[in-house]
């Protein structure tokens, strides 16, 4: 899966809107939209960090 698809998938898994997801990570909504549309792409490490943070929050919610 390409990076834009991964970001969109991650956001949908959270159930957050684009604006809430962008706010959670401190990025402009327009930037998130461009990432999801494949117009631009974030660095790979940033996507990995987002996934890691979401996984940590899931674990904390279970405990």
PDB file of N, CA and C in Angstrom:
ATOM      1  N   UNK A   1       0.848  -1.183   0.000  1.00  0.00           N
ATOM      2  CA  UNK A   1       0.000   0.000   0.000  1.00  0.00           C
ATOM      3  C   UNK A   1       0.892   1.244   0.000  1.00  0.00           C
ATOM      4  N   UNK A   2       0.491   2.219  -0.775  1.00  0.00           N
ATOM      5  CA  UNK A   2       1.275   3.445  -0.820  1.00  0.00           C
ATOM      6  C   UNK A   2       1.038   4.273   0.443  1.00  0.00           C
ATOM      7  N   UNK A   3       1.854   5.286   0.613  1.00  0.00           N
ATOM      8  CA  UNK A   3       1.821   6.084   1.834  1.00  0.00           C
ATOM      9  C   UNK A   3       0.507   6.846   1.990  1.00  0.00           C
ATOM     10  N   UNK A   4      -0.058   7.337   0.895  1.00  0.00           N
ATOM     11  CA  UNK A   4      -1.327   8.075   0.993  1.00  0.00           C
ATOM     12  C   UNK A   4      -2.448   7.132   1.437  1.00  0.00           C
ATOM     13  N   UNK A   5      -2.437   5.927   0.902  1.00  0.00           N
ATOM     14  CA  UNK A   5      -3.441   4.941   1.307  1.00  0.00           C
ATOM     15  C   UNK A   5      -3.298   4.549   2.757  1.00  0.00           C
ATOM     16  N   UNK A   6      -2.067   4.446   3.224  1.00  0.00           N
ATOM     17  CA  UNK A   6      -1.812   4.071   4.623  1.00  0.00           C
ATOM     18  C   UNK A   6      -2.315   5.146   5.576  1.00  0.00           C
ATOM     19  N   UNK A   7      -2.093   6.404   5.231  1.00  0.00           N
ATOM     20  CA  UNK A   7      -2.555   7.490   6.092  1.00  0.00           C
ATOM     21  C   UNK A   7      -4.081   7.510   6.146  1.00  0.00           C
ATOM     22  N   UNK A   8      -4.700   7.377   5.005  1.00  0.00           N
ATOM     23  CA  UNK A   8      -6.167   7.380   4.952  1.00  0.00           C
ATOM     24  C   UNK A   8      -6.729   6.206   5.745  1.00  0.00           C
ATOM     25  N   UNK A   9      -6.123   5.041   5.588  1.00  0.00           N
ATOM     26  CA  UNK A   9      -6.558   3.851   6.315  1.00  0.00           C
ATOM     27  C   UNK A   9      -6.411   4.064   7.821  1.00  0.00           C
ATOM     28  N   UNK A  10      -5.282   4.610   8.226  1.00  0.00           N
ATOM     29  CA  UNK A  10      -5.041   4.858   9.643  1.00  0.00           C
ATOM     30  C   UNK A  10      -6.095   5.809  10.207  1.00  0.00           C
ATOM     31  N   UNK A  11      -6.380   6.878   9.487  1.00  0.00           N
ATOM     32  CA  UNK A  11      -7.375   7.840   9.961  1.00  0.00           C
ATOM     33  C   UNK A  11      -8.748   7.186  10.068  1.00  0.00           C
ATOM     34  N   UNK A  12      -9.109   6.398   9.080  1.00  0.00           N
ATOM     35  CA  UNK A  12     -10.424   5.746   9.110  1.00  0.00           C
ATOM     36  C   UNK A  12     -10.511   4.737  10.250  1.00  0.00           C
ATOM     37  N   UNK A  13      -9.418   4.067  10.555  1.00  0.00           N
ATOM     38  CA  UNK A  13      -9.392   3.121  11.676  1.00  0.00           C
ATOM     39  C   UNK A  13      -9.660   3.832  12.995  1.00  0.00           C
ATOM     40  N   UNK A  14      -9.225   5.086  13.096  1.00  0.00           N
ATOM     41  CA  UNK A  14      -9.435   5.841  14.328  1.00  0.00           C
ATOM     42  C   UNK A  14     -10.862   6.333  14.448  1.00  0.00           C
ATOM     43  N   UNK A  15     -11.561   6.425  13.310  1.00  0.00           N
ATOM     44  CA  UNK A  15     -12.904   6.959  13.322  1.00  0.00           C
ATOM     45  C   UNK A  15     -12.943   8.475  13.401  1.00  0.00           C
ATOM     46  N   UNK A  16     -11.786   9.113  13.220  1.00  0.00           N
ATOM     47  CA  UNK A  16     -11.709  10.571  13.301  1.00  0.00           C
ATOM     48  C   UNK A  16     -11.925  11.205  11.935  1.00  0.00           C
ATOM     49  N   UNK A  17     -12.516  12.390  11.955  1.00  0.00           N
ATOM     50  CA  UNK A  17     -12.642  13.171  10.727  1.00  0.00           C
ATOM     51  C   UNK A  17     -11.258  13.690  10.346  1.00  0.00           C
ATOM     52  N   UNK A  18     -11.144  14.216   9.145  1.00  0.00           N
ATOM     53  CA  UNK A  18      -9.864  14.786   8.732  1.00  0.00           C
ATOM     54  C   UNK A  18      -9.447  15.911   9.669  1.00  0.00           C
ATOM     55  N   UNK A  19     -10.382  16.764  10.041  1.00  0.00           N
ATOM     56  CA  UNK A  19     -10.020  17.899  10.901  1.00  0.00           C
ATOM     57  C   UNK A  19      -9.577  17.438  12.288  1.00  0.00           C
ATOM     58  N   UNK A  20     -10.244  16.447  12.853  1.00  0.00           N
ATOM     59  CA  UNK A  20      -9.856  15.960  14.180  1.00  0.00           C
ATOM     60  C   UNK A  20      -8.535  15.206  14.133  1.00  0.00           C
ATOM     61  N   UNK A  21      -8.338  14.418  13.087  1.00  0.00           N
ATOM     62  CA  UNK A  21      -7.083  13.682  12.941  1.00  0.00           C
ATOM     63  C   UNK A  21      -5.918  14.654  12.775  1.00  0.00           C
ATOM     64  N   UNK A  22      -6.113  15.666  11.935  1.00  0.00           N
ATOM     65  CA  UNK A  22      -5.070  16.668  11.718  1.00  0.00           C
ATOM     66  C   UNK A  22      -4.751  17.401  13.016  1.00  0.00           C
ATOM     67  N   UNK A  23      -5.774  17.760  13.771  1.00  0.00           N
ATOM     68  CA  UNK A  23      -5.561  18.463  15.041  1.00  0.00           C
ATOM     69  C   UNK A  23      -4.811  17.578  16.031  1.00  0.00           C
ATOM     70  N   UNK A  24      -5.134  16.299  16.047  1.00  0.00           N
ATOM     71  CA  UNK A  24      -4.477  15.362  16.967  1.00  0.00           C
ATOM     72  C   UNK A  24      -2.964  15.349  16.759  1.00  0.00           C
ATOM     73  N   UNK A  25      -2.550  15.438  15.492  1.00  0.00           N
ATOM     74  CA  UNK A  25      -1.129  15.374  15.180  1.00  0.00           C
ATOM     75  C   UNK A  25      -0.516  16.739  14.882  1.00  0.00           C
ATOM     76  N   UNK A  26      -1.305  17.802  15.027  1.00  0.00           N
ATOM     77  CA  UNK A  26      -0.775  19.152  14.858  1.00  0.00           C
ATOM     78  C   UNK A  26      -0.376  19.493  13.436  1.00  0.00           C
ATOM     79  N   UNK A  27      -1.148  18.988  12.477  1.00  0.00           N
ATOM     80  CA  UNK A  27      -0.858  19.301  11.079  1.00  0.00           C
ATOM     81  C   UNK A  27      -2.056  20.022  10.468  1.00  0.00           C
ATOM     82  N   UNK A  28      -1.835  20.860   9.486  1.00  0.00           N
ATOM     83  CA  UNK A  28      -2.963  21.526   8.833  1.00  0.00           C
ATOM     84  C   UNK A  28      -3.854  20.518   8.111  1.00  0.00           C
ATOM     85  N   UNK A  29      -5.154  20.764   8.125  1.00  0.00           N
ATOM     86  CA  UNK A  29      -6.104  19.878   7.452  1.00  0.00           C
ATOM     87  C   UNK A  29      -5.751  19.762   5.971  1.00  0.00           C
ATOM     88  N   UNK A  30      -5.405  20.869   5.355  1.00  0.00           N
ATOM     89  CA  UNK A  30      -5.073  20.849   3.922  1.00  0.00           C
ATOM     90  C   UNK A  30      -3.886  19.927   3.641  1.00  0.00           C
ATOM     91  N   UNK A  31      -2.926  19.913   4.530  1.00  0.00           N
ATOM     92  CA  UNK A  31      -1.767  19.023   4.369  1.00  0.00           C
ATOM     93  C   UNK A  31      -2.217  17.571   4.421  1.00  0.00           C
ATOM     94  N   UNK A  32      -3.067  17.241   5.394  1.00  0.00           N
ATOM     95  CA  UNK A  32      -3.593  15.874   5.490  1.00  0.00           C
ATOM     96  C   UNK A  32      -4.353  15.501   4.226  1.00  0.00           C
ATOM     97  N   UNK A  33      -5.165  16.418   3.726  1.00  0.00           N
ATOM     98  CA  UNK A  33      -5.920  16.149   2.504  1.00  0.00           C
ATOM     99  C   UNK A  33      -4.978  15.878   1.335  1.00  0.00           C
ATOM    100  N   UNK A  34      -3.918  16.652   1.219  1.00  0.00           N
ATOM    101  CA  UNK A  34      -2.952  16.443   0.140  1.00  0.00           C
ATOM    102  C   UNK A  34      -2.247  15.100   0.289  1.00  0.00           C
ATOM    103  N   UNK A  35      -1.952  14.694   1.508  1.00  0.00           N
ATOM    104  CA  UNK A  35      -1.343  13.389   1.737  1.00  0.00           C
ATOM    105  C   UNK A  35      -2.298  12.278   1.309  1.00  0.00           C
ATOM    106  N   UNK A  36      -3.556  12.379   1.736  1.00  0.00           N
ATOM    107  CA  UNK A  36      -4.527  11.332   1.421  1.00  0.00           C
ATOM    108  C   UNK A  36      -4.812  11.250  -0.075  1.00  0.00           C
ATOM    109  N   UNK A  37      -4.722  12.365  -0.778  1.00  0.00           N
ATOM    110  CA  UNK A  37      -4.979  12.391  -2.212  1.00  0.00           C
ATOM    111  C   UNK A  37      -3.742  12.050  -3.033  1.00  0.00           C
ATOM    112  N   UNK A  38      -2.598  11.894  -2.381  1.00  0.00           N
ATOM    113  CA  UNK A  38      -1.371  11.568  -3.078  1.00  0.00           C
ATOM    114  C   UNK A  38      -0.735  12.753  -3.789  1.00  0.00           C
ATOM    115  N   UNK A  39      -1.189  13.968  -3.472  1.00  0.00           N
ATOM    116  CA  UNK A  39      -0.616  15.171  -4.072  1.00  0.00           C
ATOM    117  C   UNK A  39       0.783  15.425  -3.519  1.00  0.00           C
ATOM    118  N   UNK A  40       0.917  15.191  -2.235  1.00  0.00           N
ATOM    119  CA  UNK A  40       2.227  15.271  -1.585  1.00  0.00           C
ATOM    120  C   UNK A  40       2.301  14.116  -0.600  1.00  0.00           C
ATOM    121  N   UNK A  41       3.452  13.909  -0.022  1.00  0.00           N
ATOM    122  CA  UNK A  41       3.618  12.792   0.901  1.00  0.00           C
ATOM    123  C   UNK A  41       4.489  13.209   2.080  1.00  0.00           C
ATOM    124  N   UNK A  42       4.145  12.735   3.262  1.00  0.00           N
ATOM    125  CA  UNK A  42       4.979  13.010   4.427  1.00  0.00           C
ATOM    126  C   UNK A  42       6.192  12.087   4.407  1.00  0.00           C
ATOM    127  N   UNK A  43       7.181  12.398   5.213  1.00  0.00           N
ATOM    128  CA  UNK A  43       8.303  11.460   5.335  1.00  0.00           C
ATOM    129  C   UNK A  43       7.801  10.134   5.913  1.00  0.00           C
ATOM    130  N   UNK A  44       8.391   9.049   5.490  1.00  0.00           N
ATOM    131  CA  UNK A  44       7.981   7.717   5.942  1.00  0.00           C
ATOM    132  C   UNK A  44       8.025   7.598   7.467  1.00  0.00           C
ATOM    133  N   UNK A  45       9.035   8.206   8.097  1.00  0.00           N
ATOM    134  CA  UNK A  45       9.151   8.090   9.550  1.00  0.00           C
ATOM    135  C   UNK A  45       7.930   8.702  10.250  1.00  0.00           C
ATOM    136  N   UNK A  46       7.343   9.734   9.662  1.00  0.00           N
ATOM    137  CA  UNK A  46       6.188  10.380  10.269  1.00  0.00           C
ATOM    138  C   UNK A  46       4.987   9.443  10.284  1.00  0.00           C
ATOM    139  N   UNK A  47       4.785   8.719   9.225  1.00  0.00           N
ATOM    140  CA  UNK A  47       3.680   7.761   9.176  1.00  0.00           C
ATOM    141  C   UNK A  47       3.907   6.667  10.214  1.00  0.00           C
ATOM    142  N   UNK A  48       5.126   6.178  10.317  1.00  0.00           N
ATOM    143  CA  UNK A  48       5.435   5.147  11.322  1.00  0.00           C
ATOM    144  C   UNK A  48       5.172   5.667  12.731  1.00  0.00           C
ATOM    145  N   UNK A  49       5.517   6.931  12.989  1.00  0.00           N
ATOM    146  CA  UNK A  49       5.272   7.511  14.303  1.00  0.00           C
ATOM    147  C   UNK A  49       3.777   7.620  14.582  1.00  0.00           C
ATOM    148  N   UNK A  50       2.993   7.997  13.570  1.00  0.00           N
ATOM    149  CA  UNK A  50       1.546   8.085  13.749  1.00  0.00           C
ATOM    150  C   UNK A  50       0.970   6.719  14.101  1.00  0.00           C
ATOM    151  N   UNK A  51       1.382   5.703  13.383  1.00  0.00           N
ATOM    152  CA  UNK A  51       0.911   4.341  13.645  1.00  0.00           C
ATOM    153  C   UNK A  51       1.291   3.922  15.059  1.00  0.00           C
ATOM    154  N   UNK A  52       2.521   4.198  15.449  1.00  0.00           N
ATOM    155  CA  UNK A  52       3.004   3.837  16.782  1.00  0.00           C
ATOM    156  C   UNK A  52       2.176   4.518  17.864  1.00  0.00           C
ATOM    157  N   UNK A  53       1.916   5.801  17.709  1.00  0.00           N
ATOM    158  CA  UNK A  53       1.126   6.552  18.686  1.00  0.00           C
ATOM    159  C   UNK A  53      -0.283   5.977  18.797  1.00  0.00           C
ATOM    160  N   UNK A  54      -0.892   5.689  17.656  1.00  0.00           N
ATOM    161  CA  UNK A  54      -2.248   5.144  17.679  1.00  0.00           C
ATOM    162  C   UNK A  54      -2.269   3.774  18.354  1.00  0.00           C
ATOM    163  N   UNK A  55      -1.249   2.946  18.112  1.00  0.00           N
ATOM    164  CA  UNK A  55      -1.180   1.634  18.746  1.00  0.00           C
ATOM    165  C   UNK A  55      -1.006   1.765  20.253  1.00  0.00           C
ATOM    166  N   UNK A  56      -0.182   2.716  20.678  1.00  0.00           N
ATOM    167  CA  UNK A  56       0.000   2.942  22.113  1.00  0.00           C
ATOM    168  C   UNK A  56      -1.307   3.372  22.770  1.00  0.00           C
ATOM    169  N   UNK A  57      -2.024   4.259  22.113  1.00  0.00           N
ATOM    170  CA  UNK A  57      -3.297   4.729  22.681  1.00  0.00           C
ATOM    171  C   UNK A  57      -4.301   3.596  22.747  1.00  0.00           C
ATOM    172  N   UNK A  58      -4.283   2.695  21.765  1.00  0.00           N
ATOM    173  CA  UNK A  58      -5.181   1.540  21.803  1.00  0.00           C
ATOM    174  C   UNK A  58      -4.868   0.656  22.995  1.00  0.00           C
ATOM    175  N   UNK A  59      -3.596   0.429  23.241  1.00  0.00           N
ATOM    176  CA  UNK A  59      -3.173  -0.413  24.370  1.00  0.00           C
ATOM    177  C   UNK A  59      -3.558   0.222  25.691  1.00  0.00           C
ATOM    178  N   UNK A  60      -3.381   1.537  25.802  1.00  0.00           N
ATOM    179  CA  UNK A  60      -3.737   2.228  27.038  1.00  0.00           C
ATOM    180  C   UNK A  60      -5.231   2.157  27.299  1.00  0.00           C
ATOM    181  N   UNK A  61      -6.016   2.184  26.239  1.00  0.00           N
ATOM    182  CA  UNK A  61      -7.466   2.109  26.363  1.00  0.00           C
ATOM    183  C   UNK A  61      -7.941   0.738  26.834  1.00  0.00           C
ATOM    184  N   UNK A  62      -7.151  -0.286  26.523  1.00  0.00           N
ATOM    185  CA  UNK A  62      -7.512  -1.651  26.919  1.00  0.00           C
ATOM    186  C   UNK A  62      -7.198  -1.929  28.371  1.00  0.00           C
ATOM    187  N   UNK A  63      -6.202  -1.235  28.893  1.00  0.00           N
ATOM    188  CA  UNK A  63      -5.707  -1.512  30.242  1.00  0.00           C
ATOM    189  C   UNK A  63      -6.524  -0.909  31.269  1.00  0.00           C
TER     190      UNK A  63
END
